[in-house]
Amino acid sequence: MDIDENELLKASKELNNSNLSFNIVDVSNCNQIKDTVDELIKKSNIDILINNVGITASTSSLWDYDVDEWNKIVNINLMGTFNCCNVLYQI
């Protein structure tokens, strides 16, 4: 899962494995994760979760930090981990 389709296609081409599949998912969106997991478990089991999502942003001082940028970081780095774990725990 990744939000960047171009990177997914690039990685898929480099790995060149017929067992590999991928889905375009925004991990900050719990519904997208749930829908994707629901589709995946119709075809196969999910045996392991490797949550390797994270972004960085500017290195501004706290008082200069853009609030929208900060919220994006929290939604992806923190809520993304929570969302993935939460959805998978419920299956």
N, C-alpha and C. Protein backbone atom coordinates (compact mmCIF):
# COMPACT_ATOMS: atom_id res chain seq x y z
N MET A 1 0.84 -1.18 0.00
CA MET A 1 0.00 0.00 0.00
C MET A 1 0.89 1.24 0.00
N ASP A 2 0.47 2.19 -0.80
CA ASP A 2 1.12 3.49 -0.83
C ASP A 2 0.16 4.46 -1.50
N ILE A 3 0.38 5.72 -1.27
CA ILE A 3 -0.45 6.73 -1.91
C ILE A 3 0.09 7.12 -3.28
N ASP A 4 1.35 6.79 -3.54
CA ASP A 4 2.03 7.20 -4.77
C ASP A 4 2.05 6.06 -5.79
N GLU A 5 1.14 6.14 -6.75
CA GLU A 5 1.01 5.08 -7.74
C GLU A 5 2.29 4.90 -8.56
N ASN A 6 2.96 5.98 -8.90
CA ASN A 6 4.19 5.87 -9.68
C ASN A 6 5.27 5.09 -8.95
N GLU A 7 5.41 5.33 -7.66
CA GLU A 7 6.40 4.60 -6.87
C GLU A 7 6.01 3.12 -6.73
N LEU A 8 4.72 2.85 -6.60
CA LEU A 8 4.26 1.46 -6.55
C LEU A 8 4.57 0.74 -7.85
N LEU A 9 4.32 1.38 -8.96
CA LEU A 9 4.61 0.77 -10.26
C LEU A 9 6.11 0.55 -10.44
N LYS A 10 6.89 1.51 -10.02
CA LYS A 10 8.35 1.41 -10.11
C LYS A 10 8.87 0.24 -9.26
N ALA A 11 8.40 0.15 -8.03
CA ALA A 11 8.83 -0.94 -7.14
C ALA A 11 8.38 -2.29 -7.68
N SER A 12 7.17 -2.36 -8.18
CA SER A 12 6.65 -3.60 -8.74
C SER A 12 7.48 -4.07 -9.92
N LYS A 13 7.85 -3.13 -10.76
CA LYS A 13 8.68 -3.46 -11.93
C LYS A 13 10.06 -3.95 -11.48
N GLU A 14 10.65 -3.26 -10.50
CA GLU A 14 11.98 -3.64 -10.01
C GLU A 14 11.96 -5.01 -9.35
N LEU A 15 10.92 -5.30 -8.57
CA LEU A 15 10.84 -6.58 -7.87
C LEU A 15 10.47 -7.72 -8.81
N ASN A 16 9.66 -7.42 -9.81
CA ASN A 16 9.31 -8.38 -10.85
C ASN A 16 8.93 -9.75 -10.28
N ASN A 17 7.91 -9.76 -9.43
CA ASN A 17 7.47 -10.99 -8.79
C ASN A 17 5.97 -11.16 -9.03
N SER A 18 5.60 -12.30 -9.59
CA SER A 18 4.19 -12.52 -9.92
C SER A 18 3.29 -12.62 -8.68
N ASN A 19 3.89 -12.82 -7.52
CA ASN A 19 3.11 -12.89 -6.27
C ASN A 19 2.87 -11.51 -5.65
N LEU A 20 3.49 -10.51 -6.20
CA LEU A 20 3.38 -9.16 -5.66
C LEU A 20 2.12 -8.47 -6.15
N SER A 21 1.42 -7.84 -5.24
CA SER A 21 0.30 -6.98 -5.61
C SER A 21 0.43 -5.70 -4.80
N PHE A 22 -0.25 -4.67 -5.25
CA PHE A 22 -0.20 -3.42 -4.51
C PHE A 22 -1.53 -2.70 -4.62
N ASN A 23 -1.75 -1.79 -3.68
CA ASN A 23 -2.96 -0.99 -3.65
C ASN A 23 -2.60 0.44 -3.34
N ILE A 24 -3.29 1.36 -3.97
CA ILE A 24 -3.10 2.78 -3.71
C ILE A 24 -4.00 3.13 -2.53
N VAL A 25 -3.37 3.50 -1.42
CA VAL A 25 -4.09 3.75 -0.18
C VAL A 25 -3.45 4.92 0.56
N ASP A 26 -4.28 5.78 1.09
CA ASP A 26 -3.84 6.85 1.97
C ASP A 26 -4.03 6.34 3.40
N VAL A 27 -2.94 6.06 4.10
CA VAL A 27 -3.05 5.45 5.43
C VAL A 27 -3.67 6.39 6.46
N SER A 28 -3.77 7.67 6.14
CA SER A 28 -4.46 8.56 7.07
C SER A 28 -5.98 8.46 6.92
N ASN A 29 -6.42 7.68 5.94
CA ASN A 29 -7.85 7.48 5.70
C ASN A 29 -8.24 6.06 6.10
N CYS A 30 -8.81 5.93 7.28
CA CYS A 30 -9.16 4.61 7.83
C CYS A 30 -10.11 3.84 6.91
N ASN A 31 -11.04 4.52 6.27
CA ASN A 31 -11.99 3.84 5.39
C ASN A 31 -11.29 3.21 4.18
N GLN A 32 -10.28 3.90 3.63
CA GLN A 32 -9.52 3.33 2.51
C GLN A 32 -8.78 2.06 2.95
N ILE A 33 -8.22 2.09 4.13
CA ILE A 33 -7.52 0.91 4.65
C ILE A 33 -8.51 -0.23 4.83
N LYS A 34 -9.63 0.06 5.47
CA LYS A 34 -10.63 -0.98 5.71
C LYS A 34 -11.12 -1.59 4.40
N ASP A 35 -11.45 -0.76 3.42
CA ASP A 35 -11.93 -1.26 2.13
C ASP A 35 -10.87 -2.13 1.46
N THR A 36 -9.62 -1.70 1.51
CA THR A 36 -8.54 -2.47 0.90
C THR A 36 -8.34 -3.80 1.61
N VAL A 37 -8.33 -3.77 2.92
CA VAL A 37 -8.16 -5.01 3.70
C VAL A 37 -9.33 -5.96 3.44
N ASP A 38 -10.54 -5.43 3.38
CA ASP A 38 -11.70 -6.28 3.09
C ASP A 38 -11.55 -6.99 1.75
N GLU A 39 -11.05 -6.28 0.75
CA GLU A 39 -10.83 -6.89 -0.57
C GLU A 39 -9.70 -7.92 -0.52
N LEU A 40 -8.62 -7.60 0.19
CA LEU A 40 -7.48 -8.51 0.28
C LEU A 40 -7.83 -9.82 0.95
N ILE A 41 -8.60 -9.76 2.03
CA ILE A 41 -8.89 -11.00 2.76
C ILE A 41 -9.89 -11.89 2.04
N LYS A 42 -10.53 -11.36 1.00
CA LYS A 42 -11.37 -12.22 0.17
C LYS A 42 -10.51 -13.17 -0.67
N LYS A 43 -9.28 -12.76 -0.95
CA LYS A 43 -8.37 -13.51 -1.81
C LYS A 43 -7.32 -14.31 -1.05
N SER A 44 -6.94 -13.82 0.14
CA SER A 44 -5.81 -14.42 0.85
C SER A 44 -5.84 -14.00 2.31
N ASN A 45 -4.99 -14.63 3.11
CA ASN A 45 -4.82 -14.24 4.50
C ASN A 45 -3.81 -13.11 4.60
N ILE A 46 -3.93 -12.32 5.61
CA ILE A 46 -2.90 -11.33 5.94
C ILE A 46 -2.19 -11.88 7.17
N ASP A 47 -0.93 -12.22 7.00
CA ASP A 47 -0.18 -12.86 8.07
C ASP A 47 0.70 -11.90 8.86
N ILE A 48 1.03 -10.78 8.28
CA ILE A 48 1.94 -9.85 8.95
C ILE A 48 1.67 -8.43 8.50
N LEU A 49 1.88 -7.49 9.38
CA LEU A 49 1.77 -6.07 9.04
C LEU A 49 3.14 -5.44 9.24
N ILE A 50 3.65 -4.85 8.20
CA ILE A 50 4.85 -4.04 8.30
C ILE A 50 4.43 -2.63 7.94
N ASN A 51 4.33 -1.80 8.94
CA ASN A 51 3.89 -0.43 8.73
C ASN A 51 5.13 0.45 8.65
N ASN A 52 5.50 0.81 7.43
CA ASN A 52 6.73 1.55 7.20
C ASN A 52 6.43 2.92 6.59
N VAL A 53 5.30 3.48 6.97
CA VAL A 53 4.88 4.76 6.40
C VAL A 53 5.39 5.89 7.29
N GLY A 54 5.87 6.92 6.66
CA GLY A 54 6.27 8.09 7.40
C GLY A 54 6.74 9.17 6.46
N ILE A 55 6.48 10.39 6.84
CA ILE A 55 6.94 11.52 6.05
C ILE A 55 7.69 12.50 6.94
N THR A 56 8.50 13.31 6.31
CA THR A 56 9.16 14.41 7.01
C THR A 56 8.68 15.71 6.39
N ALA A 57 9.01 16.78 7.03
CA ALA A 57 8.59 18.08 6.50
C ALA A 57 9.65 19.10 6.86
N SER A 58 9.26 20.33 6.89
CA SER A 58 10.22 21.39 7.15
C SER A 58 10.82 21.25 8.55
N THR A 59 11.90 21.92 8.75
CA THR A 59 12.56 21.91 10.05
C THR A 59 12.41 23.26 10.74
N SER A 60 11.25 23.84 10.59
CA SER A 60 10.97 25.15 11.19
C SER A 60 10.93 25.05 12.71
N SER A 61 11.12 26.17 13.33
CA SER A 61 10.92 26.25 14.77
C SER A 61 9.44 26.02 15.06
N LEU A 62 9.14 25.53 16.23
CA LEU A 62 7.76 25.23 16.59
C LEU A 62 6.85 26.43 16.36
N TRP A 63 7.26 27.61 16.74
CA TRP A 63 6.42 28.79 16.62
C TRP A 63 6.25 29.25 15.17
N ASP A 64 7.10 28.74 14.26
CA ASP A 64 6.98 29.07 12.84
C ASP A 64 6.34 27.96 12.03
N TYR A 65 6.03 26.84 12.68
CA TYR A 65 5.57 25.66 11.94
C TYR A 65 4.16 25.87 11.40
N ASP A 66 3.97 25.49 10.17
CA ASP A 66 2.66 25.56 9.53
C ASP A 66 1.73 24.50 10.12
N VAL A 67 0.59 24.90 10.61
CA VAL A 67 -0.34 23.99 11.29
C VAL A 67 -0.85 22.90 10.34
N ASP A 68 -1.16 23.25 9.10
CA ASP A 68 -1.63 22.25 8.15
C ASP A 68 -0.56 21.20 7.86
N GLU A 69 0.69 21.65 7.75
CA GLU A 69 1.79 20.71 7.52
C GLU A 69 1.95 19.78 8.73
N TRP A 70 1.87 20.34 9.92
CA TRP A 70 1.96 19.54 11.14
C TRP A 70 0.84 18.50 11.21
N ASN A 71 -0.38 18.91 10.89
CA ASN A 71 -1.52 17.98 10.90
C ASN A 71 -1.33 16.86 9.89
N LYS A 72 -0.77 17.16 8.73
CA LYS A 72 -0.50 16.12 7.73
C LYS A 72 0.49 15.10 8.26
N ILE A 73 1.55 15.57 8.91
CA ILE A 73 2.55 14.67 9.49
C ILE A 73 1.92 13.77 10.54
N VAL A 74 1.13 14.35 11.43
CA VAL A 74 0.48 13.57 12.49
C VAL A 74 -0.50 12.57 11.89
N ASN A 75 -1.27 12.99 10.90
CA ASN A 75 -2.25 12.09 10.29
C ASN A 75 -1.60 10.91 9.58
N ILE A 76 -0.46 11.12 8.98
CA ILE A 76 0.21 10.01 8.28
C ILE A 76 1.06 9.20 9.25
N ASN A 77 1.94 9.85 10.00
CA ASN A 77 2.90 9.13 10.83
C ASN A 77 2.28 8.49 12.08
N LEU A 78 1.34 9.17 12.69
CA LEU A 78 0.73 8.66 13.91
C LEU A 78 -0.59 7.95 13.63
N MET A 79 -1.51 8.66 13.00
CA MET A 79 -2.83 8.06 12.73
C MET A 79 -2.74 6.94 11.71
N GLY A 80 -1.81 7.03 10.76
CA GLY A 80 -1.63 5.96 9.79
C GLY A 80 -1.28 4.65 10.46
N THR A 81 -0.38 4.70 11.42
CA THR A 81 -0.01 3.50 12.18
C THR A 81 -1.20 2.99 12.97
N PHE A 82 -1.88 3.89 13.67
CA PHE A 82 -3.06 3.51 14.43
C PHE A 82 -4.11 2.88 13.51
N ASN A 83 -4.41 3.53 12.39
CA ASN A 83 -5.44 3.04 11.48
C ASN A 83 -5.13 1.63 10.97
N CYS A 84 -3.91 1.42 10.52
CA CYS A 84 -3.53 0.09 10.00
C CYS A 84 -3.65 -0.98 11.08
N CYS A 85 -3.10 -0.70 12.25
CA CYS A 85 -3.17 -1.68 13.34
C CYS A 85 -4.61 -1.92 13.77
N ASN A 86 -5.38 -0.87 13.87
CA ASN A 86 -6.76 -0.98 14.32
C ASN A 86 -7.61 -1.81 13.35
N VAL A 87 -7.49 -1.53 12.06
CA VAL A 87 -8.26 -2.26 11.06
C VAL A 87 -7.87 -3.73 11.05
N LEU A 88 -6.58 -4.00 11.07
CA LEU A 88 -6.12 -5.40 11.01
C LEU A 88 -6.46 -6.16 12.28
N TYR A 89 -6.47 -5.49 13.42
CA TYR A 89 -6.84 -6.14 14.67
C TYR A 89 -8.29 -6.61 14.63
N GLN A 90 -9.12 -5.89 13.91
CA GLN A 90 -10.55 -6.18 13.88
C GLN A 90 -10.94 -7.31 12.92
N ILE A 91 -10.01 -7.80 12.10
CA ILE A 91 -10.38 -8.86 11.18
C ILE A 91 -10.23 -10.23 11.83
